[in-house]
Amino acid sequence: MFLHHELPRDKSPREIASRLLLEVKGGIGRNIMATAVVRELKKKYPEKMISVIAGASEVFYKNPHIYRVHNFSRSPYLFDDYFRDTNTLLLNQEPYQGFDYVYRRKHFTEVWCDLLGIPCGSIEPELFYNLNEKTMAQDYISKFDRRMVLFQHQGGKVPEKPTAKDKVIAKSGMYRRNLPERTAQEVTDGLIKMGYMVGSVGHPNQFLPKGAEQIKFPIRAIIALVPLVEAVISIDSFLIHASACYKGKTPTLALWGGTDHRVLGYPWHTNISRDICPTPRCHRPNSYLWDMEESGYLWDCPHNDICMNYRGQEILEHFETMMKEGGNGKLKGKPKPRAKARAKATKAENHPCREAGVPCPSQGIPRKEVSAGSRSD
């Protein structure tokens, strides 16, 4: 019988529970951020079996802190295994509704840990790969004669069809964070002129800049490329969080608009933001807080998404500055494939500067936060 056994009433649920089941809703980026939460949970409760049920369950594969990983769409026997005659505590708190997140007082991961009642030692996410996965990523990168920059200019909900109408519908339910297609093409053209191969991360129904290599692999395969490429340029989407897993290894230019890097980003990235509308970093439409208009539809930006209306040239200028100050690439001459340089990764881990904790350009240093200029057109 369900819960037929008696449980002591003088102890808290966390004292009684032998298992913890963390529910991770949302997209891939949120799932990646959740890996930091899992790590902190295991630190707090090392004796408990921690499992995860998520939409992007592949993010948690091979994670040593996790007993089992389940997907929302594929979870047979989960009720019987966890809630029938067992002592499992379901952890389903919603950080997007947390006071300190809504009012930008703490990072999303810190808010999540607070809601769970555990310390947050670090917001740095982590993913785990085996040798075969790493070898496959190396093999893909090595086929190019130029170093690659991963570029994610669109994210969130995927349009049902590659039409202008479907793209507008997909965007309507998300925070404002996508780059205009014109800007994405300008950035791609500029990077190619610098001698880079551009890997455009996105779905086939999303815009693919001319001259770019489409990166449309399974999520783990895409993320495995991050430590092997020359740099990352990304809007607020999963690639930013994937890059954060390799702190200091891959220079990352993060482009922010309707969302705030202080609560969703990472201080070791180069974070670009724009204060050019009356309500910068508004986090709207906020479906978690019933952000509806009188029409019954989600809030729509009255400023025409100007916060993401970057010029391609200003993004390229920030990219060049980032690479000069802390990147591993050279801006002159024909770059060599970075995959060969990454063969020395083990040696780099033992670099004297890293061991001494001293900032070193060859090992990656904390990125500066800058504010981009306005765009009038």
Protein backbone atom coordinates (compact mmCIF):
# COMPACT_ATOMS: atom_id res chain seq x y z
CA MET A 1 0.00 0.00 0.00
CA PHE A 2 1.14 3.55 -0.75
CA LEU A 3 3.04 4.99 2.22
CA HIS A 4 1.70 2.24 4.44
CA HIS A 5 4.77 2.38 6.66
CA GLU A 6 4.76 4.80 9.57
CA LEU A 7 7.17 7.75 9.55
CA PRO A 8 8.32 9.52 12.70
CA ARG A 9 6.51 12.79 13.35
CA ASP A 10 9.19 14.39 15.49
CA LYS A 11 11.68 14.77 12.61
CA SER A 12 11.74 17.03 9.55
CA PRO A 13 11.21 15.61 6.06
CA ARG A 14 14.89 16.14 5.23
CA GLU A 15 15.95 14.18 8.28
CA ILE A 16 13.67 11.30 7.36
CA ALA A 17 14.19 11.20 3.58
CA SER A 18 16.84 8.81 2.33
CA ARG A 19 16.42 10.08 -1.24
CA LEU A 20 16.17 13.53 -2.78
CA LEU A 21 14.54 14.06 -6.19
CA LEU A 22 15.36 17.45 -7.75
CA GLU A 23 12.88 18.65 -10.38
CA VAL A 24 14.55 20.83 -13.02
CA LYS A 25 12.12 22.62 -15.32
CA GLY A 26 12.91 24.98 -18.17
CA GLY A 27 15.42 24.98 -20.99
CA ILE A 28 18.94 23.69 -21.47
CA GLY A 29 20.59 26.71 -19.87
CA ARG A 30 18.62 26.31 -16.66
CA ASN A 31 19.46 22.61 -16.62
CA ILE A 32 23.16 23.44 -16.90
CA MET A 33 22.87 25.93 -14.01
CA ALA A 34 21.21 23.17 -11.99
CA THR A 35 24.42 21.13 -12.06
CA ALA A 36 25.89 23.62 -9.58
CA VAL A 37 22.84 23.13 -7.36
CA VAL A 38 23.26 19.35 -7.50
CA ARG A 39 26.88 19.70 -6.42
CA GLU A 40 25.92 21.87 -3.44
CA LEU A 41 23.11 19.45 -2.50
CA LYS A 42 25.58 16.57 -2.38
CA LYS A 43 27.93 18.60 -0.20
CA LYS A 44 25.10 19.25 2.24
CA TYR A 45 23.66 15.72 2.16
CA PRO A 46 26.50 13.33 1.23
CA GLU A 47 24.67 10.35 2.72
CA LYS A 48 21.51 10.75 0.61
CA MET A 49 20.84 9.42 -2.88
CA ILE A 50 20.19 12.41 -5.16
CA SER A 51 18.26 11.94 -8.39
CA VAL A 52 17.14 14.44 -11.02
CA ILE A 53 14.11 14.62 -13.27
CA ALA A 54 14.55 17.19 -16.02
CA GLY A 55 13.68 18.25 -19.54
CA ALA A 56 17.32 18.23 -20.69
CA SER A 57 18.37 15.11 -18.83
CA GLU A 58 21.47 14.60 -20.99
CA VAL A 59 23.10 17.53 -19.19
CA PHE A 60 23.32 15.36 -16.06
CA TYR A 61 24.75 12.21 -17.65
CA LYS A 62 27.87 10.85 -15.95
CA ASN A 63 27.51 13.30 -13.07
CA PRO A 64 29.12 11.62 -10.04
CA HIS A 65 26.85 13.46 -7.61
CA ILE A 66 23.70 11.92 -9.06
CA TYR A 67 22.25 8.46 -8.41
CA ARG A 68 19.72 8.44 -11.27
CA VAL A 69 18.65 10.83 -14.06
CA HIS A 70 15.12 10.86 -15.46
CA ASN A 71 13.46 12.77 -18.29
CA PHE A 72 9.96 14.26 -18.01
CA SER A 73 8.90 12.44 -21.16
CA ARG A 74 10.54 9.12 -20.23
CA SER A 75 10.06 8.29 -16.58
CA PRO A 76 8.50 4.81 -16.26
CA TYR A 77 8.15 3.43 -12.74
CA LEU A 78 9.33 6.70 -11.21
CA PHE A 79 6.32 6.82 -8.89
CA ASP A 80 6.84 3.22 -7.77
CA ASP A 81 10.60 3.64 -7.36
CA TYR A 82 10.53 6.91 -5.45
CA PHE A 83 7.17 7.49 -3.79
CA ARG A 84 5.62 4.11 -3.13
CA ASP A 85 6.79 2.83 0.24
CA THR A 86 9.99 4.89 0.14
CA ASN A 87 11.21 8.03 1.85
CA THR A 88 11.80 10.46 -1.02
CA LEU A 89 11.71 14.23 -0.68
CA LEU A 90 10.70 16.07 -3.87
CA LEU A 91 12.57 19.35 -4.36
CA ASN A 92 10.56 21.47 -6.81
CA GLN A 93 11.16 25.05 -5.70
CA GLU A 94 10.89 27.76 -8.41
CA PRO A 95 13.87 30.18 -8.43
CA TYR A 96 12.27 32.45 -11.05
CA GLN A 97 9.69 33.37 -8.41
CA GLY A 98 12.22 33.87 -5.64
CA PHE A 99 12.25 37.36 -4.11
CA ASP A 100 16.00 37.80 -4.51
CA TYR A 101 15.84 36.83 -8.18
CA VAL A 102 12.82 38.97 -9.05
CA TYR A 103 14.49 42.02 -7.51
CA ARG A 104 18.00 41.16 -8.81
CA ARG A 105 19.62 40.78 -5.41
CA LYS A 106 21.28 37.41 -6.02
CA HIS A 107 22.35 35.15 -8.84
CA PHE A 108 19.81 32.59 -10.02
CA THR A 109 21.87 29.68 -8.68
CA GLU A 110 22.27 31.34 -5.28
CA VAL A 111 18.50 31.92 -5.11
CA TRP A 112 17.89 28.25 -5.95
CA CYS A 113 20.22 27.13 -3.19
CA ASP A 114 18.56 29.52 -0.73
CA LEU A 115 15.15 28.06 -1.54
CA LEU A 116 16.56 24.60 -0.87
CA GLY A 117 18.09 25.76 2.42
CA ILE A 118 21.67 24.91 1.44
CA PRO A 119 24.85 27.02 1.13
CA CYS A 120 26.01 28.04 -2.35
CA GLY A 121 29.76 27.63 -2.52
CA SER A 122 29.99 28.48 -6.21
CA ILE A 123 27.71 29.34 -9.13
CA GLU A 124 30.06 27.57 -11.57
CA PRO A 125 28.18 24.75 -13.37
CA GLU A 126 29.87 21.48 -14.31
CA LEU A 127 29.45 18.79 -16.95
CA PHE A 128 31.19 15.43 -17.20
CA TYR A 129 32.41 13.67 -20.33
CA ASN A 130 34.15 10.38 -20.99
CA LEU A 131 37.12 9.85 -23.30
CA ASN A 132 35.03 8.74 -26.28
CA GLU A 133 32.94 11.92 -26.22
CA LYS A 134 36.05 14.09 -26.02
CA THR A 135 37.70 12.17 -28.86
CA MET A 136 34.68 12.66 -31.12
CA ALA A 137 34.73 16.41 -30.46
CA GLN A 138 38.46 16.59 -31.19
CA ASP A 139 37.94 14.68 -34.41
CA TYR A 140 35.28 17.13 -35.61
CA ILE A 141 37.32 20.25 -34.82
CA SER A 142 40.50 18.87 -36.38
CA LYS A 143 38.95 18.71 -39.86
CA PHE A 144 38.99 22.51 -40.19
CA ASP A 145 42.10 24.43 -41.23
CA ARG A 146 40.97 27.50 -39.28
CA ARG A 147 40.22 28.03 -35.62
CA MET A 148 36.52 28.06 -34.82
CA VAL A 149 34.42 30.59 -32.93
CA LEU A 150 31.12 29.22 -31.67
CA PHE A 151 28.37 31.80 -32.24
CA GLN A 152 24.85 31.53 -30.81
CA HIS A 153 22.73 34.46 -31.96
CA GLN A 154 19.26 32.95 -31.40
CA GLY A 155 17.92 30.78 -28.61
CA GLY A 156 14.87 29.76 -26.65
CA LYS A 157 11.82 28.31 -28.35
CA VAL A 158 12.46 26.91 -31.83
CA PRO A 159 10.18 28.18 -34.63
CA GLU A 160 7.92 25.45 -36.02
CA LYS A 161 8.91 26.53 -39.53
CA PRO A 162 11.71 28.76 -40.87
CA THR A 163 9.26 31.55 -41.74
CA ALA A 164 9.14 35.14 -40.48
CA LYS A 165 5.72 34.51 -38.91
CA ASP A 166 6.87 31.45 -36.98
CA LYS A 167 9.98 33.26 -35.76
CA VAL A 168 7.83 36.08 -34.36
CA ILE A 169 5.53 33.59 -32.65
CA ALA A 170 8.48 31.74 -31.11
CA LYS A 171 10.03 34.98 -29.85
CA SER A 172 6.79 36.31 -28.34
CA GLY A 173 6.93 34.05 -25.30
CA MET A 174 10.57 34.65 -24.38
CA TYR A 175 12.76 37.23 -22.70
CA ARG A 176 14.15 39.59 -25.33
CA ARG A 177 17.58 38.16 -26.17
CA ASN A 178 17.93 37.27 -29.88
CA LEU A 179 20.20 39.23 -32.23
CA PRO A 180 18.72 40.61 -35.45
CA GLU A 181 19.61 38.42 -38.43
CA ARG A 182 21.39 41.35 -40.05
CA THR A 183 23.67 41.71 -37.06
CA ALA A 184 24.39 37.98 -36.95
CA GLN A 185 25.48 38.14 -40.59
CA GLU A 186 27.69 41.18 -39.95
CA VAL A 187 29.44 39.41 -37.07
CA THR A 188 29.91 36.26 -39.13
CA ASP A 189 31.39 38.22 -42.05
CA GLY A 190 33.77 40.03 -39.72
CA LEU A 191 35.00 36.87 -38.03
CA ILE A 192 35.62 35.21 -41.39
CA LYS A 193 37.69 38.23 -42.47
CA MET A 194 39.77 37.77 -39.30
CA GLY A 195 40.53 34.22 -40.42
CA TYR A 196 38.13 32.27 -38.21
CA MET A 197 35.68 29.52 -38.99
CA VAL A 198 32.26 30.44 -37.54
CA GLY A 199 30.20 27.67 -35.98
CA SER A 200 26.59 28.87 -35.82
CA VAL A 201 24.84 27.06 -32.97
CA GLY A 202 21.15 26.69 -33.66
CA HIS A 203 18.24 24.73 -35.04
CA PRO A 204 17.75 24.36 -38.82
CA ASN A 205 14.56 26.45 -38.51
CA GLN A 206 16.61 29.35 -37.16
CA PHE A 207 18.67 31.79 -39.22
CA LEU A 208 22.01 30.47 -40.51
CA PRO A 209 24.44 33.25 -41.53
CA LYS A 210 26.06 32.80 -44.93
CA GLY A 211 29.56 31.39 -44.65
CA ALA A 212 28.95 29.80 -41.23
CA GLU A 213 29.15 26.10 -40.36
CA GLN A 214 25.85 24.94 -38.87
CA ILE A 215 26.30 23.30 -35.48
CA LYS A 216 23.16 21.25 -34.94
CA PHE A 217 24.44 18.24 -33.02
CA PRO A 218 22.89 16.76 -29.86
CA ILE A 219 23.41 19.04 -26.87
CA ARG A 220 26.27 17.10 -25.26
CA ALA A 221 28.15 17.00 -28.56
CA ILE A 222 27.82 20.79 -28.96
CA ILE A 223 28.99 21.50 -25.42
CA ALA A 224 31.97 19.15 -25.86
CA LEU A 225 33.26 21.55 -28.53
CA VAL A 226 33.46 24.52 -26.16
CA PRO A 227 36.93 23.83 -24.65
CA LEU A 228 38.32 23.12 -28.14
CA VAL A 229 37.27 26.29 -29.96
CA GLU A 230 39.03 29.63 -30.00
CA ALA A 231 36.19 31.59 -28.40
CA VAL A 232 32.44 31.80 -27.82
CA ILE A 233 30.09 34.64 -28.72
CA SER A 234 26.59 34.11 -27.39
CA ILE A 235 23.35 35.73 -26.42
CA ASP A 236 21.70 34.74 -23.13
CA SER A 237 21.18 31.08 -23.99
CA PHE A 238 22.58 27.66 -23.16
CA LEU A 239 25.98 28.29 -24.78
CA ILE A 240 26.84 30.91 -22.14
CA HIS A 241 26.18 28.39 -19.37
CA ALA A 242 28.02 25.65 -21.26
CA SER A 243 31.06 27.90 -21.57
CA ALA A 244 30.89 28.68 -17.84
CA CYS A 245 31.59 25.00 -17.19
CA TYR A 246 35.07 25.57 -18.64
CA LYS A 247 35.93 28.63 -16.58
CA GLY A 248 39.02 30.39 -17.89
CA LYS A 249 39.61 28.00 -20.80
CA THR A 250 37.53 29.55 -23.59
CA PRO A 251 37.12 33.34 -23.88
CA THR A 252 33.41 34.15 -23.97
CA LEU A 253 31.67 37.31 -25.14
CA ALA A 254 28.16 37.36 -23.64
CA LEU A 255 25.60 39.68 -25.25
CA TRP A 256 22.80 40.80 -22.93
CA GLY A 257 19.59 42.68 -23.64
CA GLY A 258 16.32 41.95 -21.89
CA THR A 259 18.00 39.89 -19.18
CA ASP A 260 20.60 40.77 -16.56
CA HIS A 261 24.07 39.22 -16.46
CA ARG A 262 24.30 39.94 -12.74
CA VAL A 263 21.68 37.28 -11.99
CA LEU A 264 22.03 34.94 -14.97
CA GLY A 265 25.61 35.39 -16.19
CA TYR A 266 29.13 34.80 -14.94
CA PRO A 267 31.72 37.41 -13.88
CA TRP A 268 34.58 35.62 -15.69
CA HIS A 269 32.90 36.25 -19.05
CA THR A 270 33.06 39.51 -21.02
CA ASN A 271 29.51 40.72 -20.40
CA ILE A 272 28.10 43.36 -22.76
CA SER A 273 24.86 45.12 -21.85
CA ARG A 274 22.90 48.10 -23.17
CA ASP A 275 20.95 50.72 -21.18
CA ILE A 276 19.08 52.37 -24.03
CA CYS A 277 15.39 52.01 -23.15
CA PRO A 278 13.34 53.23 -20.15
CA THR A 279 13.33 49.74 -18.60
CA PRO A 280 16.71 48.08 -19.29
CA ARG A 281 17.14 44.38 -18.45
CA CYS A 282 13.40 44.14 -17.79
CA HIS A 283 13.18 40.31 -17.87
CA ARG A 284 9.95 40.49 -19.80
CA PRO A 285 7.68 38.85 -20.73
CA ASN A 286 7.89 37.10 -17.38
CA SER A 287 5.58 34.12 -17.74
CA TYR A 288 6.46 32.98 -14.22
CA LEU A 289 4.81 36.14 -12.82
CA TRP A 290 1.74 36.27 -15.09
CA ASP A 291 3.07 39.04 -17.34
CA MET A 292 -0.05 39.37 -19.52
CA GLU A 293 -1.59 42.26 -21.39
CA GLU A 294 -5.31 43.08 -21.49
CA SER A 295 -5.56 41.27 -24.80
CA GLY A 296 -4.80 38.01 -23.00
CA TYR A 297 -1.42 37.64 -24.70
CA LEU A 298 2.00 37.86 -23.06
CA TRP A 299 3.58 41.31 -22.75
CA ASP A 300 5.14 42.58 -25.98
CA CYS A 301 8.06 45.03 -26.04
CA PRO A 302 6.92 48.60 -26.87
CA HIS A 303 10.52 49.55 -27.70
CA ASN A 304 10.92 47.04 -30.56
CA ASP A 305 13.60 45.00 -28.77
CA ILE A 306 16.10 47.85 -29.03
CA CYS A 307 18.16 46.33 -26.22
CA MET A 308 19.36 43.61 -28.64
CA ASN A 309 19.79 45.90 -31.64
CA TYR A 310 23.57 45.69 -31.58
CA ARG A 311 25.78 46.72 -34.47
CA GLY A 312 27.89 43.94 -35.85
CA GLN A 313 30.95 46.19 -35.73
CA GLU A 314 30.61 46.94 -32.01
CA ILE A 315 30.40 43.23 -31.23
CA LEU A 316 33.51 42.60 -33.32
CA GLU A 317 35.36 45.40 -31.53
CA HIS A 318 34.52 43.90 -28.14
CA PHE A 319 35.62 40.50 -29.45
CA GLU A 320 39.00 41.84 -30.58
CA THR A 321 39.54 43.58 -27.26
CA MET A 322 38.66 40.43 -25.35
CA MET A 323 41.07 38.31 -27.38
CA LYS A 324 43.90 40.81 -27.02
CA GLU A 325 43.46 41.12 -23.26
CA GLY A 326 42.86 37.51 -22.31
CA GLY A 327 42.29 35.26 -25.28
CA ASN A 328 44.66 32.68 -26.67
CA GLY A 329 44.22 33.70 -30.31
CA LYS A 330 46.26 36.03 -32.50
CA LEU A 331 44.42 38.50 -34.68
CA LYS A 332 46.98 38.59 -37.50
CA GLY A 333 47.94 35.89 -39.95
CA LYS A 334 46.16 32.65 -40.71
CA PRO A 335 45.21 30.95 -37.43
CA LYS A 336 46.08 27.33 -36.92
CA PRO A 337 43.53 24.77 -35.71
CA ARG A 338 43.05 25.10 -32.00
CA ALA A 339 42.46 21.36 -31.64
CA LYS A 340 46.21 20.76 -31.89
CA ALA A 341 46.92 23.33 -29.22
CA ARG A 342 44.38 21.65 -26.95
CA ALA A 343 46.45 18.46 -27.06
CA LYS A 344 48.61 20.18 -24.43
CA ALA A 345 45.64 20.60 -22.06
CA THR A 346 47.11 18.35 -19.38
CA LYS A 347 50.32 20.35 -19.34
CA ALA A 348 48.36 23.60 -19.10
CA GLU A 349 46.52 22.35 -16.01
CA ASN A 350 49.91 22.21 -14.23
CA HIS A 351 51.03 25.64 -15.43
CA PRO A 352 52.94 27.54 -12.66
CA CYS A 353 50.60 30.53 -12.89
CA ARG A 354 47.54 28.31 -12.38
CA GLU A 355 49.10 26.57 -9.39
CA ALA A 356 50.10 29.90 -7.85
CA GLY A 357 46.69 31.42 -8.50
CA VAL A 358 48.23 34.29 -10.47
CA PRO A 359 46.32 35.80 -13.45
CA CYS A 360 47.97 34.69 -16.68
CA PRO A 361 46.83 35.46 -20.24
CA SER A 362 47.82 32.00 -21.43
CA GLN A 363 45.65 30.37 -18.80
CA GLY A 364 42.63 32.65 -18.97
CA ILE A 365 41.92 35.60 -16.64
CA PRO A 366 38.70 37.12 -15.27
CA ARG A 367 36.91 39.10 -17.98
CA LYS A 368 36.08 42.76 -17.63
CA GLU A 369 32.49 43.91 -17.61
CA VAL A 370 31.76 46.64 -20.15
CA SER A 371 28.75 48.52 -21.39
CA ALA A 372 28.05 48.78 -25.11
CA GLY A 373 27.11 52.03 -26.78
CA SER A 374 23.64 52.80 -28.05
CA ARG A 375 22.40 52.19 -31.57
CA SER A 376 20.36 54.83 -33.24
CA ASP A 377 19.32 53.08 -36.46
